[in-house]
All heavy atoms as atom14 arrays in JSON, in Angstrom:
{
  "sequence": "RSGQRVRIGIAPGNTKTNLTLPSTLVSGLASLR",
  "atom14_mask": [
    [1, 1, 1, 1, 1, 1, 1, 1, 1, 1, 1, 0, 0, 0],
    [1, 1, 1, 1, 1, 1, 0, 0, 0, 0, 0, 0, 0, 0],
    [1, 1, 1, 1, 0, 0, 0, 0, 0, 0, 0, 0, 0, 0],
    [1, 1, 1, 1, 1, 1, 1, 1, 1, 0, 0, 0, 0, 0],
    [1, 1, 1, 1, 1, 1, 1, 1, 1, 1, 1, 0, 0, 0],
    [1, 1, 1, 1, 1, 1, 1, 0, 0, 0, 0, 0, 0, 0],
    [1, 1, 1, 1, 1, 1, 1, 1, 1, 1, 1, 0, 0, 0],
    [1, 1, 1, 1, 1, 1, 1, 1, 0, 0, 0, 0, 0, 0],
    [1, 1, 1, 1, 0, 0, 0, 0, 0, 0, 0, 0, 0, 0],
    [1, 1, 1, 1, 1, 1, 1, 1, 0, 0, 0, 0, 0, 0],
    [1, 1, 1, 1, 1, 0, 0, 0, 0, 0, 0, 0, 0, 0],
    [1, 1, 1, 1, 1, 1, 1, 0, 0, 0, 0, 0, 0, 0],
    [1, 1, 1, 1, 0, 0, 0, 0, 0, 0, 0, 0, 0, 0],
    [1, 1, 1, 1, 1, 1, 1, 1, 0, 0, 0, 0, 0, 0],
    [1, 1, 1, 1, 1, 1, 1, 0, 0, 0, 0, 0, 0, 0],
    [1, 1, 1, 1, 1, 1, 1, 1, 1, 0, 0, 0, 0, 0],
    [1, 1, 1, 1, 1, 1, 1, 0, 0, 0, 0, 0, 0, 0],
    [1, 1, 1, 1, 1, 1, 1, 1, 0, 0, 0, 0, 0, 0],
    [1, 1, 1, 1, 1, 1, 1, 1, 0, 0, 0, 0, 0, 0],
    [1, 1, 1, 1, 1, 1, 1, 0, 0, 0, 0, 0, 0, 0],
    [1, 1, 1, 1, 1, 1, 1, 1, 0, 0, 0, 0, 0, 0],
    [1, 1, 1, 1, 1, 1, 1, 0, 0, 0, 0, 0, 0, 0],
    [1, 1, 1, 1, 1, 1, 0, 0, 0, 0, 0, 0, 0, 0],
    [1, 1, 1, 1, 1, 1, 1, 0, 0, 0, 0, 0, 0, 0],
    [1, 1, 1, 1, 1, 1, 1, 1, 0, 0, 0, 0, 0, 0],
    [1, 1, 1, 1, 1, 1, 1, 0, 0, 0, 0, 0, 0, 0],
    [1, 1, 1, 1, 1, 1, 0, 0, 0, 0, 0, 0, 0, 0],
    [1, 1, 1, 1, 0, 0, 0, 0, 0, 0, 0, 0, 0, 0],
    [1, 1, 1, 1, 1, 1, 1, 1, 0, 0, 0, 0, 0, 0],
    [1, 1, 1, 1, 1, 0, 0, 0, 0, 0, 0, 0, 0, 0],
    [1, 1, 1, 1, 1, 1, 0, 0, 0, 0, 0, 0, 0, 0],
    [1, 1, 1, 1, 1, 1, 1, 1, 0, 0, 0, 0, 0, 0],
    [1, 1, 1, 1, 1, 1, 1, 1, 1, 1, 1, 0, 0, 0]
  ],
  "atom14_positions": [
    [[22.17, -40.72, 17.18], [23.55, -40.57, 17.65], [23.56, -40.73, 19.16], [22.85, -40.0, 19.86], [24.1, -39.2, 17.28], [25.52, -38.98, 17.77], [26.04, -37.63, 17.39], [27.41, -37.5, 17.87], [28.11, -36.4, 17.78], [27.59, -35.33, 17.22], [29.33, -36.36, 18.23], [0.0, 0.0, 0.0], [0.0, 0.0, 0.0], [0.0, 0.0, 0.0]],
    [[24.33, -41.68, 19.63], [24.45, -41.94, 21.08], [23.09, -42.13, 21.74], [22.83, -41.61, 22.81], [25.2, -40.8, 21.77], [26.46, -40.62, 21.19], [0.0, 0.0, 0.0], [0.0, 0.0, 0.0], [0.0, 0.0, 0.0], [0.0, 0.0, 0.0], [0.0, 0.0, 0.0], [0.0, 0.0, 0.0], [0.0, 0.0, 0.0], [0.0, 0.0, 0.0]],
    [[22.21, -42.85, 21.07], [20.89, -43.12, 21.63], [19.88, -42.0, 21.44], [18.7, -42.17, 21.74], [0.0, 0.0, 0.0], [0.0, 0.0, 0.0], [0.0, 0.0, 0.0], [0.0, 0.0, 0.0], [0.0, 0.0, 0.0], [0.0, 0.0, 0.0], [0.0, 0.0, 0.0], [0.0, 0.0, 0.0], [0.0, 0.0, 0.0], [0.0, 0.0, 0.0]],
    [[20.31, -40.85, 20.97], [19.42, -39.71, 20.75], [18.83, -39.81, 19.34], [19.56, -39.83, 18.36], [20.16, -38.39, 20.91], [19.31, -37.18, 20.65], [20.12, -35.9, 20.65], [21.34, -35.92, 20.63], [19.43, -34.78, 20.65], [0.0, 0.0, 0.0], [0.0, 0.0, 0.0], [0.0, 0.0, 0.0], [0.0, 0.0, 0.0], [0.0, 0.0, 0.0]],
    [[17.53, -39.88, 19.25], [16.84, -40.01, 17.96], [16.24, -38.65, 17.59], [15.42, -38.1, 18.33], [15.75, -41.07, 18.09], [14.94, -41.31, 16.85], [14.03, -42.5, 17.08], [12.86, -42.39, 16.24], [12.13, -43.41, 15.85], [12.44, -44.63, 16.25], [11.08, -43.25, 15.09], [0.0, 0.0, 0.0], [0.0, 0.0, 0.0], [0.0, 0.0, 0.0]],
    [[16.68, -38.12, 16.43], [16.24, -36.8, 15.98], [15.55, -36.94, 14.62], [16.15, -37.45, 13.67], [17.44, -35.83, 15.87], [16.99, -34.48, 15.34], [18.14, -35.69, 17.2], [0.0, 0.0, 0.0], [0.0, 0.0, 0.0], [0.0, 0.0, 0.0], [0.0, 0.0, 0.0], [0.0, 0.0, 0.0], [0.0, 0.0, 0.0], [0.0, 0.0, 0.0]],
    [[14.31, -36.48, 14.55], [13.59, -36.53, 13.27], [14.18, -35.48, 12.34], [14.29, -34.31, 12.69], [12.11, -36.26, 13.49], [11.28, -36.4, 12.23], [9.79, -36.21, 12.59], [8.97, -36.29, 11.41], [8.72, -35.27, 10.59], [9.23, -34.08, 10.84], [7.95, -35.43, 9.54], [0.0, 0.0, 0.0], [0.0, 0.0, 0.0], [0.0, 0.0, 0.0]],
    [[14.55, -35.92, 11.11], [15.12, -34.96, 10.17], [14.19, -34.65, 9.0], [14.46, -33.73, 8.26], [16.5, -35.43, 9.66], [16.44, -36.8, 9.02], [17.52, -35.4, 10.78], [17.74, -37.23, 8.36], [0.0, 0.0, 0.0], [0.0, 0.0, 0.0], [0.0, 0.0, 0.0], [0.0, 0.0, 0.0], [0.0, 0.0, 0.0], [0.0, 0.0, 0.0]],
    [[13.1, -35.4, 8.87], [12.13, -35.05, 7.85], [11.36, -36.24, 7.3], [11.47, -37.35, 7.81], [0.0, 0.0, 0.0], [0.0, 0.0, 0.0], [0.0, 0.0, 0.0], [0.0, 0.0, 0.0], [0.0, 0.0, 0.0], [0.0, 0.0, 0.0], [0.0, 0.0, 0.0], [0.0, 0.0, 0.0], [0.0, 0.0, 0.0], [0.0, 0.0, 0.0]],
    [[10.62, -35.97, 6.24], [9.81, -36.98, 5.57], [10.37, -37.22, 4.18], [10.71, -36.28, 3.46], [8.33, -36.54, 5.45], [7.7, -36.42, 6.84], [7.52, -37.49, 4.58], [6.28, -35.91, 6.81], [0.0, 0.0, 0.0], [0.0, 0.0, 0.0], [0.0, 0.0, 0.0], [0.0, 0.0, 0.0], [0.0, 0.0, 0.0], [0.0, 0.0, 0.0]],
    [[10.45, -38.49, 3.79], [10.85, -38.87, 2.44], [9.62, -39.46, 1.75], [9.25, -40.6, 2.03], [11.99, -39.89, 2.49], [0.0, 0.0, 0.0], [0.0, 0.0, 0.0], [0.0, 0.0, 0.0], [0.0, 0.0, 0.0], [0.0, 0.0, 0.0], [0.0, 0.0, 0.0], [0.0, 0.0, 0.0], [0.0, 0.0, 0.0], [0.0, 0.0, 0.0]],
    [[8.97, -38.68, 0.89], [7.79, -39.2, 0.2], [8.14, -40.39, -0.69], [9.27, -40.53, -1.16], [7.33, -38.01, -0.67], [7.97, -36.81, -0.06], [9.25, -37.3, 0.54], [0.0, 0.0, 0.0], [0.0, 0.0, 0.0], [0.0, 0.0, 0.0], [0.0, 0.0, 0.0], [0.0, 0.0, 0.0], [0.0, 0.0, 0.0], [0.0, 0.0, 0.0]],
    [[7.16, -41.26, -0.91], [7.36, -42.43, -1.74], [7.68, -42.06, -3.18], [7.23, -41.04, -3.7], [0.0, 0.0, 0.0], [0.0, 0.0, 0.0], [0.0, 0.0, 0.0], [0.0, 0.0, 0.0], [0.0, 0.0, 0.0], [0.0, 0.0, 0.0], [0.0, 0.0, 0.0], [0.0, 0.0, 0.0], [0.0, 0.0, 0.0], [0.0, 0.0, 0.0]],
    [[8.52, -42.89, -3.81], [8.9, -42.74, -5.22], [9.56, -41.39, -5.55], [9.36, -40.86, -6.63], [7.69, -42.95, -6.14], [7.11, -44.33, -5.99], [7.84, -45.32, -5.95], [5.79, -44.41, -5.91], [0.0, 0.0, 0.0], [0.0, 0.0, 0.0], [0.0, 0.0, 0.0], [0.0, 0.0, 0.0], [0.0, 0.0, 0.0], [0.0, 0.0, 0.0]],
    [[10.32, -40.85, -4.62], [11.02, -39.58, -4.86], [12.4, -39.59, -4.23], [12.71, -40.42, -3.38], [10.26, -38.38, -4.27], [10.16, -38.54, -2.86], [8.89, -38.19, -4.88], [0.0, 0.0, 0.0], [0.0, 0.0, 0.0], [0.0, 0.0, 0.0], [0.0, 0.0, 0.0], [0.0, 0.0, 0.0], [0.0, 0.0, 0.0], [0.0, 0.0, 0.0]],
    [[13.22, -38.63, -4.66], [14.5, -38.36, -4.01], [14.33, -37.09, -3.21], [13.81, -36.1, -3.71], [15.62, -38.18, -5.03], [16.04, -39.46, -5.69], [17.23, -39.24, -6.6], [17.62, -40.55, -7.26], [18.76, -40.37, -8.17], [0.0, 0.0, 0.0], [0.0, 0.0, 0.0], [0.0, 0.0, 0.0], [0.0, 0.0, 0.0], [0.0, 0.0, 0.0]],
    [[14.76, -37.12, -1.96], [14.58, -36.0, -1.06], [15.91, -35.67, -0.38], [16.6, -36.58, 0.06], [13.54, -36.35, 0.03], [12.36, -36.82, -0.59], [13.22, -35.15, 0.9], [0.0, 0.0, 0.0], [0.0, 0.0, 0.0], [0.0, 0.0, 0.0], [0.0, 0.0, 0.0], [0.0, 0.0, 0.0], [0.0, 0.0, 0.0], [0.0, 0.0, 0.0]],
    [[16.25, -34.4, -0.3], [17.44, -33.96, 0.42], [17.01, -33.42, 1.78], [16.22, -32.48, 1.86], [18.2, -32.87, -0.35], [18.87, -33.42, -1.58], [19.28, -34.58, -1.63], [18.99, -32.6, -2.6], [0.0, 0.0, 0.0], [0.0, 0.0, 0.0], [0.0, 0.0, 0.0], [0.0, 0.0, 0.0], [0.0, 0.0, 0.0], [0.0, 0.0, 0.0]],
    [[17.54, -34.03, 2.85], [17.24, -33.62, 4.21], [18.53, -33.13, 4.86], [19.55, -33.81, 4.8], [16.66, -34.79, 5.0], [15.41, -35.46, 4.4], [15.06, -36.72, 5.18], [14.25, -34.49, 4.4], [0.0, 0.0, 0.0], [0.0, 0.0, 0.0], [0.0, 0.0, 0.0], [0.0, 0.0, 0.0], [0.0, 0.0, 0.0], [0.0, 0.0, 0.0]],
    [[18.49, -31.97, 5.49], [19.67, -31.4, 6.12], [19.73, -31.83, 7.58], [18.75, -31.72, 8.31], [19.63, -29.86, 6.04], [19.52, -29.48, 4.67], [20.88, -29.25, 6.63], [0.0, 0.0, 0.0], [0.0, 0.0, 0.0], [0.0, 0.0, 0.0], [0.0, 0.0, 0.0], [0.0, 0.0, 0.0], [0.0, 0.0, 0.0], [0.0, 0.0, 0.0]],
    [[20.91, -32.33, 7.98], [21.11, -32.73, 9.38], [21.36, -31.51, 10.24], [22.08, -30.59, 9.82], [22.3, -33.68, 9.5], [22.13, -35.06, 8.91], [23.44, -35.83, 9.0], [21.04, -35.81, 9.63], [0.0, 0.0, 0.0], [0.0, 0.0, 0.0], [0.0, 0.0, 0.0], [0.0, 0.0, 0.0], [0.0, 0.0, 0.0], [0.0, 0.0, 0.0]],
    [[20.82, -31.48, 11.45], [21.12, -30.37, 12.36], [22.6, -30.35, 12.7], [23.23, -31.4, 12.87], [20.29, -30.7, 13.61], [19.31, -31.73, 13.2], [19.88, -32.44, 12.03], [0.0, 0.0, 0.0], [0.0, 0.0, 0.0], [0.0, 0.0, 0.0], [0.0, 0.0, 0.0], [0.0, 0.0, 0.0], [0.0, 0.0, 0.0], [0.0, 0.0, 0.0]],
    [[23.17, -29.16, 12.8], [24.6, -29.04, 13.08], [24.95, -29.6, 14.45], [26.1, -29.98, 14.69], [25.03, -27.58, 12.98], [24.3, -26.79, 13.9], [0.0, 0.0, 0.0], [0.0, 0.0, 0.0], [0.0, 0.0, 0.0], [0.0, 0.0, 0.0], [0.0, 0.0, 0.0], [0.0, 0.0, 0.0], [0.0, 0.0, 0.0], [0.0, 0.0, 0.0]],
    [[23.99, -29.71, 15.35], [24.26, -30.27, 16.68], [24.57, -31.77, 16.61], [25.24, -32.3, 17.48], [23.06, -30.05, 17.62], [21.88, -30.59, 17.01], [22.86, -28.58, 17.92], [0.0, 0.0, 0.0], [0.0, 0.0, 0.0], [0.0, 0.0, 0.0], [0.0, 0.0, 0.0], [0.0, 0.0, 0.0], [0.0, 0.0, 0.0], [0.0, 0.0, 0.0]],
    [[24.08, -32.44, 15.56], [24.37, -33.87, 15.39], [25.73, -34.11, 14.75], [26.34, -35.15, 14.95], [23.3, -34.54, 14.51], [21.98, -34.86, 15.17], [21.03, -35.47, 14.16], [22.17, -35.8, 16.34], [0.0, 0.0, 0.0], [0.0, 0.0, 0.0], [0.0, 0.0, 0.0], [0.0, 0.0, 0.0], [0.0, 0.0, 0.0], [0.0, 0.0, 0.0]],
    [[26.18, -33.16, 13.93], [27.42, -33.35, 13.18], [28.38, -32.2, 13.47], [28.6, -31.34, 12.65], [27.13, -33.43, 11.67], [28.37, -33.86, 10.91], [25.99, -34.38, 11.37], [0.0, 0.0, 0.0], [0.0, 0.0, 0.0], [0.0, 0.0, 0.0], [0.0, 0.0, 0.0], [0.0, 0.0, 0.0], [0.0, 0.0, 0.0], [0.0, 0.0, 0.0]],
    [[28.93, -32.2, 14.66], [29.96, -31.21, 14.99], [31.28, -31.98, 15.07], [31.6, -32.56, 16.09], [29.64, -30.51, 16.31], [29.46, -31.46, 17.32], [0.0, 0.0, 0.0], [0.0, 0.0, 0.0], [0.0, 0.0, 0.0], [0.0, 0.0, 0.0], [0.0, 0.0, 0.0], [0.0, 0.0, 0.0], [0.0, 0.0, 0.0], [0.0, 0.0, 0.0]],
    [[31.99, -32.01, 13.96], [33.17, -32.88, 13.84], [32.72, -34.24, 13.34], [31.62, -34.4, 12.83], [0.0, 0.0, 0.0], [0.0, 0.0, 0.0], [0.0, 0.0, 0.0], [0.0, 0.0, 0.0], [0.0, 0.0, 0.0], [0.0, 0.0, 0.0], [0.0, 0.0, 0.0], [0.0, 0.0, 0.0], [0.0, 0.0, 0.0], [0.0, 0.0, 0.0]],
    [[33.57, -35.24, 13.47], [33.2, -36.58, 13.04], [32.13, -37.14, 13.97], [32.24, -37.03, 15.19], [34.41, -37.5, 13.02], [35.45, -37.23, 11.95], [36.62, -38.19, 12.09], [34.85, -37.35, 10.57], [0.0, 0.0, 0.0], [0.0, 0.0, 0.0], [0.0, 0.0, 0.0], [0.0, 0.0, 0.0], [0.0, 0.0, 0.0], [0.0, 0.0, 0.0]],
    [[31.1, -37.76, 13.39], [30.02, -38.32, 14.18], [29.63, -39.68, 13.62], [29.55, -39.85, 12.4], [28.8, -37.39, 14.15], [0.0, 0.0, 0.0], [0.0, 0.0, 0.0], [0.0, 0.0, 0.0], [0.0, 0.0, 0.0], [0.0, 0.0, 0.0], [0.0, 0.0, 0.0], [0.0, 0.0, 0.0], [0.0, 0.0, 0.0], [0.0, 0.0, 0.0]],
    [[29.4, -40.64, 14.5], [28.89, -41.95, 14.09], [27.37, -41.89, 14.19], [26.82, -41.66, 15.26], [29.43, -43.05, 15.0], [30.81, -43.2, 14.81], [0.0, 0.0, 0.0], [0.0, 0.0, 0.0], [0.0, 0.0, 0.0], [0.0, 0.0, 0.0], [0.0, 0.0, 0.0], [0.0, 0.0, 0.0], [0.0, 0.0, 0.0], [0.0, 0.0, 0.0]],
    [[26.72, -42.09, 13.06], [25.26, -41.98, 13.0], [24.64, -43.24, 12.42], [25.25, -43.94, 11.62], [24.84, -40.8, 12.12], [25.27, -39.4, 12.54], [24.85, -38.39, 11.49], [24.65, -39.04, 13.88], [0.0, 0.0, 0.0], [0.0, 0.0, 0.0], [0.0, 0.0, 0.0], [0.0, 0.0, 0.0], [0.0, 0.0, 0.0], [0.0, 0.0, 0.0]],
    [[23.41, -43.48, 12.81], [22.54, -44.48, 12.18], [21.32, -43.71, 11.69], [20.97, -42.67, 12.23], [22.07, -45.54, 13.17], [23.13, -46.48, 13.62], [22.53, -47.56, 14.53], [23.57, -48.38, 15.09], [24.04, -49.48, 14.52], [23.54, -49.89, 13.38], [24.99, -50.18, 15.09], [0.0, 0.0, 0.0], [0.0, 0.0, 0.0], [0.0, 0.0, 0.0]]
  ]
}
């Protein structure tokens, strides 16, 4: 977000993983990559 790259976790191969975004990245509407 805005050039700031934040690691949110690891997604192991051949699995579905739920990763929670830090609230500092999503305070209101946020454009993310």
